[in-house]
Amino acid sequence: MVCFAFFINKVLAPNNPNPEKLSSYECGEEPTGSAWLPFNSRFYVIALVFLLFDVEMVFVFPWAIVFGSHEMNNADNRWGALALTEMFAFLGILILGLVYVWVKGDLDWIKPDPIIPVTDTVVPQSLYDQLNTEMGNYKVKEFAIQESALQNVVSTATVETTEAAPAKKPMFKPTFKKPANE
């Protein structure tokens, strides 16, 4: 059936290649640079782990339906125990595979070796340490409302609410052109 579908597609589909159709497609933009750039392999590892657990969920849904079916469990009590045992075996195999990959180190992030910057300054390290210590010992001031500032805020708020401010007109008026006027 798959080969038949491909054959029908080849016979019926139009075949009009041109340079634009044969060019690379990158999110609707023209691709820039080379496609052979270094790509971090951790993205592939994350995608594979996602697929592993995604496929696991595909098998867990039918199991949940069988395990939760009251008709099957009422007909024979062994169905529930069998379904539970099968799921523990399935999850156990997946967990063993995950542990194997973890122990092997395939899930570790690829981290570059840290580069410690070296400079040829004459400033001693103790001076940097002292400066960092002084800058790190700051204290947060306590919040306190001053009574005079609070009185000013209250008095201006009462004045503003009693006086009605004049309504302001917009600074510009948008004009719309009809397509016939262009």
N, C-alpha and C. Protein backbone atom coordinates (compact mmCIF):
# COMPACT_ATOMS: atom_id res chain seq x y z
N MET A 1 0.83 -1.20 0.00
CA MET A 1 0.00 0.00 0.00
C MET A 1 0.87 1.26 0.00
N VAL A 2 1.97 1.23 0.73
CA VAL A 2 2.83 2.42 0.79
C VAL A 2 3.46 2.66 -0.58
N CYS A 3 3.96 1.61 -1.21
CA CYS A 3 4.57 1.75 -2.54
C CYS A 3 3.53 2.21 -3.56
N PHE A 4 2.31 1.71 -3.44
CA PHE A 4 1.24 2.12 -4.34
C PHE A 4 0.95 3.62 -4.17
N ALA A 5 0.92 4.09 -2.92
CA ALA A 5 0.67 5.51 -2.66
C ALA A 5 1.78 6.37 -3.26
N PHE A 6 3.04 5.94 -3.12
CA PHE A 6 4.14 6.69 -3.71
C PHE A 6 4.05 6.69 -5.24
N PHE A 7 3.66 5.56 -5.82
CA PHE A 7 3.53 5.47 -7.27
C PHE A 7 2.44 6.41 -7.78
N ILE A 8 1.28 6.41 -7.13
CA ILE A 8 0.19 7.30 -7.53
C ILE A 8 0.62 8.76 -7.40
N ASN A 9 1.35 9.09 -6.34
CA ASN A 9 1.84 10.45 -6.15
C ASN A 9 2.78 10.84 -7.29
N LYS A 10 3.66 9.95 -7.70
CA LYS A 10 4.61 10.24 -8.76
C LYS A 10 3.90 10.44 -10.10
N VAL A 11 2.83 9.66 -10.33
CA VAL A 11 2.10 9.76 -11.60
C VAL A 11 1.25 11.03 -11.65
N LEU A 12 0.55 11.35 -10.56
CA LEU A 12 -0.42 12.45 -10.58
C LEU A 12 0.17 13.82 -10.23
N ALA A 13 1.23 13.86 -9.44
CA ALA A 13 1.76 15.15 -8.98
C ALA A 13 2.49 15.85 -10.11
N PRO A 14 2.33 17.18 -10.23
CA PRO A 14 3.07 17.90 -11.27
C PRO A 14 4.54 17.97 -10.89
N ASN A 15 5.39 17.93 -11.89
CA ASN A 15 6.84 17.98 -11.67
C ASN A 15 7.40 19.16 -12.45
N ASN A 16 7.43 20.32 -11.82
CA ASN A 16 7.93 21.54 -12.44
C ASN A 16 9.04 22.15 -11.58
N PRO A 17 10.21 21.53 -11.54
CA PRO A 17 11.26 22.11 -10.70
C PRO A 17 11.81 23.40 -11.33
N ASN A 18 12.12 24.34 -10.45
CA ASN A 18 12.79 25.56 -10.88
C ASN A 18 13.78 25.94 -9.78
N PRO A 19 14.65 26.89 -10.03
CA PRO A 19 15.66 27.22 -9.01
C PRO A 19 15.07 27.63 -7.66
N GLU A 20 13.93 28.31 -7.68
CA GLU A 20 13.32 28.73 -6.41
C GLU A 20 12.80 27.54 -5.62
N LYS A 21 12.19 26.57 -6.32
CA LYS A 21 11.69 25.38 -5.63
C LYS A 21 12.81 24.50 -5.13
N LEU A 22 13.94 24.50 -5.81
CA LEU A 22 15.06 23.64 -5.43
C LEU A 22 15.98 24.30 -4.40
N SER A 23 15.72 25.55 -4.05
CA SER A 23 16.58 26.23 -3.06
C SER A 23 16.22 25.77 -1.65
N SER A 24 17.13 26.02 -0.72
CA SER A 24 16.90 25.65 0.68
C SER A 24 15.83 26.55 1.26
N TYR A 25 15.07 25.98 2.17
CA TYR A 25 13.99 26.73 2.82
C TYR A 25 14.30 26.83 4.30
N GLU A 26 14.32 28.04 4.81
CA GLU A 26 14.64 28.23 6.22
C GLU A 26 13.65 29.21 6.82
N CYS A 27 12.51 28.72 7.26
CA CYS A 27 11.50 29.52 7.95
C CYS A 27 11.05 30.72 7.12
N GLY A 28 10.96 30.58 5.83
CA GLY A 28 10.49 31.65 4.98
C GLY A 28 11.56 32.67 4.65
N GLU A 29 12.75 32.48 5.11
CA GLU A 29 13.84 33.42 4.87
C GLU A 29 14.88 32.78 3.95
N GLU A 30 15.62 33.62 3.28
CA GLU A 30 16.74 33.11 2.50
C GLU A 30 17.82 32.64 3.46
N PRO A 31 18.32 31.42 3.29
CA PRO A 31 19.36 30.95 4.21
C PRO A 31 20.65 31.73 4.02
N THR A 32 21.29 32.02 5.14
CA THR A 32 22.56 32.73 5.09
C THR A 32 23.63 31.86 5.74
N GLY A 33 24.80 31.91 5.20
CA GLY A 33 25.90 31.15 5.76
C GLY A 33 25.86 29.70 5.34
N SER A 34 26.75 28.95 5.90
CA SER A 34 26.88 27.54 5.56
C SER A 34 25.99 26.70 6.47
N ALA A 35 25.47 25.61 5.93
CA ALA A 35 24.66 24.70 6.74
C ALA A 35 25.55 23.79 7.58
N TRP A 36 26.83 23.75 7.29
CA TRP A 36 27.76 22.88 8.01
C TRP A 36 28.41 23.65 9.15
N LEU A 37 27.61 24.10 10.09
CA LEU A 37 28.14 24.79 11.25
C LEU A 37 28.08 23.86 12.45
N PRO A 38 28.91 24.10 13.44
CA PRO A 38 28.89 23.22 14.62
C PRO A 38 27.57 23.35 15.37
N PHE A 39 26.94 22.23 15.60
CA PHE A 39 25.63 22.20 16.27
C PHE A 39 25.77 21.34 17.51
N ASN A 40 25.35 21.85 18.63
CA ASN A 40 25.52 21.14 19.89
C ASN A 40 24.65 19.88 19.90
N SER A 41 25.25 18.75 20.20
CA SER A 41 24.52 17.48 20.13
C SER A 41 23.56 17.29 21.29
N ARG A 42 23.59 18.13 22.30
CA ARG A 42 22.67 17.95 23.42
C ARG A 42 21.22 18.15 22.98
N PHE A 43 21.00 18.93 21.92
CA PHE A 43 19.64 19.11 21.42
C PHE A 43 19.10 17.80 20.86
N TYR A 44 19.96 17.03 20.22
CA TYR A 44 19.54 15.72 19.72
C TYR A 44 19.24 14.78 20.88
N VAL A 45 20.05 14.83 21.91
CA VAL A 45 19.84 13.96 23.07
C VAL A 45 18.50 14.29 23.73
N ILE A 46 18.22 15.57 23.90
CA ILE A 46 16.95 15.98 24.50
C ILE A 46 15.78 15.53 23.62
N ALA A 47 15.92 15.64 22.31
CA ALA A 47 14.85 15.21 21.41
C ALA A 47 14.64 13.70 21.52
N LEU A 48 15.71 12.94 21.63
CA LEU A 48 15.58 11.48 21.75
C LEU A 48 14.94 11.09 23.08
N VAL A 49 15.31 11.77 24.16
CA VAL A 49 14.69 11.47 25.46
C VAL A 49 13.21 11.83 25.42
N PHE A 50 12.87 12.95 24.77
CA PHE A 50 11.46 13.31 24.63
C PHE A 50 10.71 12.23 23.86
N LEU A 51 11.29 11.75 22.76
CA LEU A 51 10.63 10.71 21.97
C LEU A 51 10.47 9.43 22.78
N LEU A 52 11.46 9.10 23.60
CA LEU A 52 11.37 7.91 24.43
C LEU A 52 10.15 7.97 25.33
N PHE A 53 9.98 9.07 26.04
CA PHE A 53 8.86 9.17 26.96
C PHE A 53 7.54 9.44 26.23
N ASP A 54 7.62 10.04 25.05
CA ASP A 54 6.41 10.23 24.25
C ASP A 54 5.88 8.89 23.77
N VAL A 55 6.76 8.01 23.31
CA VAL A 55 6.35 6.68 22.88
C VAL A 55 5.85 5.87 24.07
N GLU A 56 6.46 6.10 25.22
CA GLU A 56 6.00 5.42 26.44
C GLU A 56 4.53 5.77 26.71
N MET A 57 4.17 7.03 26.54
CA MET A 57 2.79 7.44 26.79
C MET A 57 1.83 6.79 25.80
N VAL A 58 2.29 6.54 24.58
CA VAL A 58 1.43 5.89 23.59
C VAL A 58 1.04 4.50 24.09
N PHE A 59 1.95 3.82 24.78
CA PHE A 59 1.66 2.49 25.28
C PHE A 59 0.94 2.51 26.63
N VAL A 60 1.04 3.62 27.35
CA VAL A 60 0.40 3.69 28.67
C VAL A 60 -1.11 3.93 28.53
N PHE A 61 -1.55 4.66 27.52
CA PHE A 61 -2.98 4.93 27.38
C PHE A 61 -3.80 3.67 27.16
N PRO A 62 -3.43 2.79 26.23
CA PRO A 62 -4.23 1.55 26.10
C PRO A 62 -4.18 0.70 27.36
N TRP A 63 -3.03 0.68 28.03
CA TRP A 63 -2.93 -0.07 29.28
C TRP A 63 -3.90 0.48 30.31
N ALA A 64 -4.00 1.80 30.40
CA ALA A 64 -4.90 2.41 31.37
C ALA A 64 -6.36 2.05 31.07
N ILE A 65 -6.68 1.95 29.80
CA ILE A 65 -8.06 1.59 29.44
C ILE A 65 -8.35 0.15 29.85
N VAL A 66 -7.40 -0.75 29.60
CA VAL A 66 -7.60 -2.15 29.97
C VAL A 66 -7.61 -2.29 31.49
N PHE A 67 -6.69 -1.61 32.15
CA PHE A 67 -6.58 -1.73 33.61
C PHE A 67 -7.80 -1.13 34.31
N GLY A 68 -8.38 -0.09 33.73
CA GLY A 68 -9.53 0.56 34.34
C GLY A 68 -10.87 0.02 33.87
N SER A 69 -10.88 -0.99 33.00
CA SER A 69 -12.13 -1.53 32.48
C SER A 69 -12.79 -2.41 33.54
N HIS A 70 -13.94 -1.97 34.02
CA HIS A 70 -14.66 -2.74 35.05
C HIS A 70 -15.27 -4.00 34.47
N GLU A 71 -15.65 -3.96 33.20
CA GLU A 71 -16.24 -5.15 32.59
C GLU A 71 -15.23 -6.29 32.53
N MET A 72 -14.00 -5.98 32.10
CA MET A 72 -12.98 -7.04 32.01
C MET A 72 -12.60 -7.54 33.39
N ASN A 73 -12.49 -6.63 34.35
CA ASN A 73 -12.10 -7.05 35.70
C ASN A 73 -13.21 -7.85 36.38
N ASN A 74 -14.46 -7.54 36.08
CA ASN A 74 -15.57 -8.31 36.66
C ASN A 74 -15.68 -9.69 36.02
N ALA A 75 -15.33 -9.79 34.73
CA ALA A 75 -15.40 -11.08 34.06
C ALA A 75 -14.32 -12.02 34.58
N ASP A 76 -13.11 -11.50 34.77
CA ASP A 76 -12.01 -12.32 35.29
C ASP A 76 -11.08 -11.41 36.07
N ASN A 77 -10.90 -11.70 37.35
CA ASN A 77 -10.09 -10.83 38.21
C ASN A 77 -8.62 -10.82 37.82
N ARG A 78 -8.19 -11.80 37.04
CA ARG A 78 -6.77 -11.87 36.69
C ARG A 78 -6.36 -10.80 35.68
N TRP A 79 -7.32 -10.18 34.95
CA TRP A 79 -6.98 -9.15 33.97
C TRP A 79 -6.29 -7.95 34.63
N GLY A 80 -6.80 -7.52 35.75
CA GLY A 80 -6.20 -6.37 36.44
C GLY A 80 -4.79 -6.66 36.90
N ALA A 81 -4.57 -7.84 37.48
CA ALA A 81 -3.22 -8.20 37.94
C ALA A 81 -2.28 -8.35 36.75
N LEU A 82 -2.76 -8.95 35.67
CA LEU A 82 -1.92 -9.12 34.48
C LEU A 82 -1.54 -7.77 33.88
N ALA A 83 -2.50 -6.86 33.78
CA ALA A 83 -2.22 -5.53 33.22
C ALA A 83 -1.24 -4.77 34.10
N LEU A 84 -1.40 -4.87 35.41
CA LEU A 84 -0.49 -4.18 36.31
C LEU A 84 0.92 -4.75 36.20
N THR A 85 1.04 -6.08 36.11
CA THR A 85 2.35 -6.72 36.00
C THR A 85 3.02 -6.34 34.68
N GLU A 86 2.26 -6.32 33.59
CA GLU A 86 2.82 -5.94 32.31
C GLU A 86 3.33 -4.50 32.32
N MET A 87 2.58 -3.60 32.96
CA MET A 87 3.01 -2.21 32.98
C MET A 87 4.27 -2.03 33.83
N PHE A 88 4.36 -2.75 34.95
CA PHE A 88 5.59 -2.67 35.75
C PHE A 88 6.78 -3.21 34.96
N ALA A 89 6.58 -4.27 34.18
CA ALA A 89 7.66 -4.81 33.36
C ALA A 89 8.06 -3.80 32.28
N PHE A 90 7.07 -3.18 31.63
CA PHE A 90 7.35 -2.19 30.59
C PHE A 90 8.10 -0.98 31.15
N LEU A 91 7.59 -0.43 32.25
CA LEU A 91 8.25 0.72 32.86
C LEU A 91 9.63 0.35 33.40
N GLY A 92 9.77 -0.89 33.90
CA GLY A 92 11.07 -1.33 34.40
C GLY A 92 12.11 -1.38 33.29
N ILE A 93 11.71 -1.88 32.11
CA ILE A 93 12.64 -1.91 30.98
C ILE A 93 13.02 -0.50 30.56
N LEU A 94 12.05 0.41 30.53
CA LEU A 94 12.36 1.80 30.17
C LEU A 94 13.28 2.45 31.20
N ILE A 95 13.04 2.19 32.46
CA ILE A 95 13.88 2.78 33.50
C ILE A 95 15.28 2.19 33.44
N LEU A 96 15.39 0.90 33.17
CA LEU A 96 16.73 0.30 33.02
C LEU A 96 17.47 0.94 31.84
N GLY A 97 16.76 1.16 30.74
CA GLY A 97 17.39 1.82 29.59
C GLY A 97 17.83 3.23 29.92
N LEU A 98 17.01 3.96 30.67
CA LEU A 98 17.37 5.32 31.06
C LEU A 98 18.57 5.32 31.99
N VAL A 99 18.59 4.39 32.94
CA VAL A 99 19.74 4.30 33.86
C VAL A 99 21.01 3.94 33.09
N TYR A 100 20.90 3.02 32.13
CA TYR A 100 22.06 2.63 31.32
C TYR A 100 22.63 3.83 30.57
N VAL A 101 21.75 4.59 29.93
CA VAL A 101 22.20 5.75 29.18
C VAL A 101 22.78 6.81 30.11
N TRP A 102 22.18 6.95 31.28
CA TRP A 102 22.66 7.94 32.26
C TRP A 102 24.04 7.56 32.77
N VAL A 103 24.21 6.27 33.14
CA VAL A 103 25.51 5.82 33.66
C VAL A 103 26.58 5.91 32.57
N LYS A 104 26.20 5.61 31.35
CA LYS A 104 27.15 5.68 30.24
C LYS A 104 27.61 7.11 29.99
N GLY A 105 26.82 8.10 30.42
CA GLY A 105 27.19 9.51 30.29
C GLY A 105 26.62 10.18 29.07
N ASP A 106 25.66 9.53 28.40
CA ASP A 106 25.11 10.12 27.19
C ASP A 106 24.13 11.26 27.48
N LEU A 107 23.66 11.39 28.71
CA LEU A 107 22.74 12.47 29.04
C LEU A 107 23.45 13.69 29.63
N ASP A 108 24.76 13.61 29.80
CA ASP A 108 25.50 14.74 30.35
C ASP A 108 25.58 15.84 29.31
N TRP A 109 25.50 17.07 29.78
CA TRP A 109 25.64 18.20 28.88
C TRP A 109 27.07 18.28 28.40
N ILE A 110 27.21 18.71 27.18
CA ILE A 110 28.55 18.92 26.64
C ILE A 110 28.97 20.33 27.04
N LYS A 111 29.90 20.40 27.96
CA LYS A 111 30.31 21.70 28.47
C LYS A 111 31.75 21.96 28.03
N PRO A 112 32.02 23.17 27.62
CA PRO A 112 33.40 23.49 27.27
C PRO A 112 34.24 23.62 28.54
N ASP A 113 35.52 23.42 28.39
CA ASP A 113 36.41 23.61 29.52
C ASP A 113 36.45 25.10 29.86
N PRO A 114 36.31 25.43 31.13
CA PRO A 114 36.32 26.86 31.49
C PRO A 114 37.69 27.47 31.24
N ILE A 115 37.66 28.67 30.69
CA ILE A 115 38.90 29.40 30.43
C ILE A 115 39.00 30.49 31.49
N ILE A 116 40.03 30.41 32.28
CA ILE A 116 40.25 31.41 33.32
C ILE A 116 41.05 32.55 32.72
N PRO A 117 40.50 33.77 32.71
CA PRO A 117 41.23 34.87 32.10
C PRO A 117 42.47 35.24 32.90
N VAL A 118 43.52 35.51 32.21
CA VAL A 118 44.78 35.88 32.84
C VAL A 118 45.18 37.24 32.29
N THR A 119 45.47 38.16 33.20
CA THR A 119 45.92 39.49 32.79
C THR A 119 47.26 39.79 33.45
N ASP A 120 47.97 40.72 32.87
CA ASP A 120 49.27 41.10 33.43
C ASP A 120 49.16 42.44 34.14
N THR A 121 48.28 42.51 35.16
CA THR A 121 48.11 43.75 35.92
C THR A 121 49.01 43.71 37.14
N VAL A 122 49.27 44.89 37.66
CA VAL A 122 50.09 44.99 38.87
C VAL A 122 49.23 45.16 40.11
N VAL A 123 47.91 45.10 39.96
CA VAL A 123 47.02 45.23 41.10
C VAL A 123 46.98 43.89 41.83
N PRO A 124 47.26 43.89 43.13
CA PRO A 124 47.28 42.61 43.85
C PRO A 124 45.86 42.04 44.01
N GLN A 125 45.78 40.72 44.12
CA GLN A 125 44.50 40.04 44.27
C GLN A 125 43.81 40.45 45.58
N SER A 126 44.58 40.75 46.63
CA SER A 126 44.00 41.14 47.92
C SER A 126 43.18 42.43 47.79
N LEU A 127 43.60 43.33 46.90
CA LEU A 127 42.85 44.56 46.70
C LEU A 127 41.49 44.27 46.06
N TYR A 128 41.46 43.34 45.09
CA TYR A 128 40.19 42.93 44.50
C TYR A 128 39.29 42.29 45.55
N ASP A 129 39.87 41.43 46.37
CA ASP A 129 39.08 40.77 47.41
C ASP A 129 38.50 41.78 48.40
N GLN A 130 39.31 42.78 48.79
CA GLN A 130 38.84 43.80 49.72
C GLN A 130 37.71 44.62 49.09
N LEU A 131 37.85 44.97 47.82
CA LEU A 131 36.83 45.74 47.14
C LEU A 131 35.53 44.93 47.04
N ASN A 132 35.62 43.66 46.70
CA ASN A 132 34.43 42.82 46.63
C ASN A 132 33.77 42.68 48.00
N THR A 133 34.54 42.58 49.04
CA THR A 133 33.99 42.49 50.39
C THR A 133 33.27 43.77 50.78
N GLU A 134 33.86 44.91 50.47
CA GLU A 134 33.23 46.19 50.80
C GLU A 134 31.94 46.39 50.01
N MET A 135 31.96 46.05 48.74
CA MET A 135 30.77 46.24 47.91
C MET A 135 29.68 45.23 48.27
N GLY A 136 30.05 44.10 48.82
CA GLY A 136 29.07 43.09 49.17
C GLY A 136 28.42 43.33 50.51
N ASN A 137 28.95 44.23 51.32
CA ASN A 137 28.41 44.49 52.66
C ASN A 137 27.51 45.73 52.66
N TYR A 138 26.55 45.78 51.82
CA TYR A 138 25.62 46.91 51.82
C TYR A 138 24.41 46.55 52.66
N LYS A 139 23.77 47.57 53.17
CA LYS A 139 22.60 47.36 54.01
C LYS A 139 21.40 48.04 53.38
N VAL A 140 20.28 47.39 53.45
CA VAL A 140 19.05 47.93 52.93
C VAL A 140 18.44 48.85 53.99
N LYS A 141 18.08 50.06 53.57
CA LYS A 141 17.51 51.02 54.50
C LYS A 141 16.08 50.60 54.83
N GLU A 142 15.67 50.87 56.03
CA GLU A 142 14.30 50.60 56.45
C GLU A 142 13.36 51.58 55.76
N PHE A 143 12.20 51.12 55.37
CA PHE A 143 11.21 51.97 54.73
C PHE A 143 10.44 52.71 55.81
N ALA A 144 10.41 54.03 55.69
CA ALA A 144 9.67 54.85 56.65
C ALA A 144 9.04 56.01 55.90
N ILE A 145 7.79 56.25 56.16
CA ILE A 145 7.10 57.37 55.53
C ILE A 145 7.26 58.59 56.42
N GLN A 146 7.72 59.67 55.81
CA GLN A 146 7.87 60.90 56.58
C GLN A 146 6.50 61.58 56.63
N GLU A 147 6.18 62.10 57.78
CA GLU A 147 4.85 62.68 57.98
C GLU A 147 4.62 63.91 57.09
N SER A 148 5.65 64.74 56.87
CA SER A 148 5.47 65.94 56.05
C SER A 148 5.21 65.56 54.59
N ALA A 149 5.90 64.55 54.07
CA ALA A 149 5.68 64.12 52.69
C ALA A 149 4.29 63.51 52.54
N LEU A 150 3.85 62.78 53.56
CA LEU A 150 2.53 62.17 53.52
C LEU A 150 1.45 63.24 53.51
N GLN A 151 1.63 64.33 54.29
CA GLN A 151 0.66 65.42 54.31
C GLN A 151 0.59 66.12 52.95
N ASN A 152 1.76 66.32 52.30
CA ASN A 152 1.78 66.96 50.98
C ASN A 152 1.04 66.12 49.95
N VAL A 153 1.23 64.80 49.99
CA VAL A 153 0.57 63.91 49.03
C VAL A 153 -0.94 63.94 49.25
N VAL A 154 -1.37 63.92 50.50
CA VAL A 154 -2.80 63.93 50.80
C VAL A 154 -3.41 65.26 50.40
N SER A 155 -2.75 66.39 50.65
CA SER A 155 -3.31 67.69 50.32
C SER A 155 -3.39 67.88 48.80
N THR A 156 -2.39 67.44 48.05
CA THR A 156 -2.45 67.60 46.59
C THR A 156 -3.50 66.67 46.00
N ALA A 157 -3.71 65.50 46.61
CA ALA A 157 -4.72 64.57 46.10
C ALA A 157 -6.11 65.15 46.29
N THR A 158 -6.35 65.84 47.42
CA THR A 158 -7.67 66.42 47.65
C THR A 158 -7.90 67.61 46.73
N VAL A 159 -6.87 68.37 46.44
CA VAL A 159 -7.01 69.52 45.54
C VAL A 159 -7.33 69.03 44.13
N GLU A 160 -6.64 68.00 43.69
CA GLU A 160 -6.85 67.50 42.33
C GLU A 160 -8.24 66.90 42.17
N THR A 161 -8.76 66.29 43.20
CA THR A 161 -10.08 65.67 43.05
C THR A 161 -11.19 66.69 43.08
N THR A 162 -10.99 67.82 43.73
CA THR A 162 -12.05 68.81 43.80
C THR A 162 -12.14 69.64 42.53
N GLU A 163 -11.01 69.88 41.84
CA GLU A 163 -11.01 70.68 40.62
C GLU A 163 -11.20 69.76 39.42
N ALA A 164 -12.09 70.17 38.52
CA ALA A 164 -12.30 69.38 37.32
C ALA A 164 -11.30 69.83 36.25
N ALA A 165 -10.52 68.91 35.75
CA ALA A 165 -9.54 69.24 34.73
C ALA A 165 -10.23 69.34 33.38
N PRO A 166 -9.85 70.32 32.57
CA PRO A 166 -10.48 70.44 31.25
C PRO A 166 -10.10 69.25 30.37
N ALA A 167 -11.04 68.82 29.55
CA ALA A 167 -10.79 67.68 28.67
C ALA A 167 -9.83 68.11 27.56
N LYS A 168 -8.85 67.28 27.28
CA LYS A 168 -7.87 67.61 26.24
C LYS A 168 -8.32 67.00 24.93
N LYS A 169 -8.09 67.75 23.85
CA LYS A 169 -8.40 67.26 22.52
C LYS A 169 -7.18 66.53 21.98
N PRO A 170 -7.39 65.58 21.09
CA PRO A 170 -6.22 64.89 20.53
C PRO A 170 -5.35 65.84 19.73
N MET A 171 -4.06 65.59 19.73
CA MET A 171 -3.11 66.47 19.06
C MET A 171 -3.18 66.33 17.54
N PHE A 172 -3.61 65.20 17.03
CA PHE A 172 -3.72 65.04 15.58
C PHE A 172 -5.03 64.33 15.28
N LYS A 173 -5.48 64.53 14.09
CA LYS A 173 -6.71 63.87 13.66
C LYS A 173 -6.34 62.95 12.50
N PRO A 174 -6.57 61.64 12.65
CA PRO A 174 -6.18 60.75 11.56
C PRO A 174 -7.10 60.93 10.36
N THR A 175 -6.51 60.89 9.19
CA THR A 175 -7.30 60.97 7.97
C THR A 175 -7.14 59.68 7.21
N PHE A 176 -8.23 59.24 6.64
CA PHE A 176 -8.22 57.97 5.90
C PHE A 176 -8.45 58.28 4.44
N LYS A 177 -7.62 57.64 3.62
CA LYS A 177 -7.76 57.85 2.18
C LYS A 177 -8.57 56.72 1.58
N LYS A 178 -9.40 57.06 0.67
CA LYS A 178 -10.13 56.03 -0.06
C LYS A 178 -9.24 55.53 -1.19
N PRO A 179 -9.37 54.25 -1.56
CA PRO A 179 -8.52 53.73 -2.63
C PRO A 179 -8.65 54.48 -3.94
N ALA A 180 -9.81 55.11 -4.19
CA ALA A 180 -10.01 55.84 -5.46
C ALA A 180 -9.21 57.13 -5.48
N ASN A 181 -8.86 57.70 -4.30
CA ASN A 181 -8.15 58.98 -4.23
C ASN A 181 -6.65 58.84 -4.48
N GLU A 182 -6.13 57.66 -4.51
CA GLU A 182 -4.67 57.51 -4.63
C GLU A 182 -4.18 57.66 -6.03
